[in-house]
Amino acid sequence: MAEAIRVVEEALREQAQGKAAIPKRLILHPCQGKGWFAVMPGYLEASGTLAVKAVSSYPGDVEKGLPTIHALTLYFNHETGAPLALLEAGYLTALRTGAIGAVAAKHLALEAAERLGLLGSGEQAWSQLEAHLQVLKNLKEVKVYSPNPSHREAFAQKASKVFSVNVKPVSSPREAVEGC
């Protein structure tokens, strides 16, 4: 995760310096709004990264035993345009999302921050917690809310063990973010 945070921070720096082309994502809402589908191209000058990610999110998939987020990333040679790799990007999506949240916290949160609130208990929440623990060195308590009580309980129990931090399930979004 530390490497992901470093890479995301550098990409944001390139974008701020005008050395990246990251257009607004194209988003579709097929199937009467049951989910969304997005295409996100990008180019980073310094690393020569040229890629496009296609990602969908269908919240109802969890009831079918499927992940909520499905994603593929296609990498190209920036000098020839030839495709180099096609990657399943569900994990990369969670990793990048956690890393970008951590970069924001690194620069915007109080250095002495002791509490973190999480809304959700899935893969994205897990990566947010993992990433924030890298940059917020004084965290003592994490509160997690999910509309599904068993999900938030399981997340809190597992995260407390894995990360050696007090993760507490809470029953409302407000409770998760109060005092953070």
Foldseek 3Di string as FASTA:
>chain_A
DVVLLVVLVVQVVQVVVVQKDKDDWDKDQPDVNQKIKIKTWMAGRVVRWTKIKIKMAGPCCVVVVDDRMWMKMWTARSVPRHTDDIGGCPLVVLLNLLSVLLNCCLPPPDLQDAEEFEEDQDSNSVSVVVSNCVRNVRHAEAEYEYCDVVSQVVSQVVCCVVVVHRYHYDHDSCVRPPPD
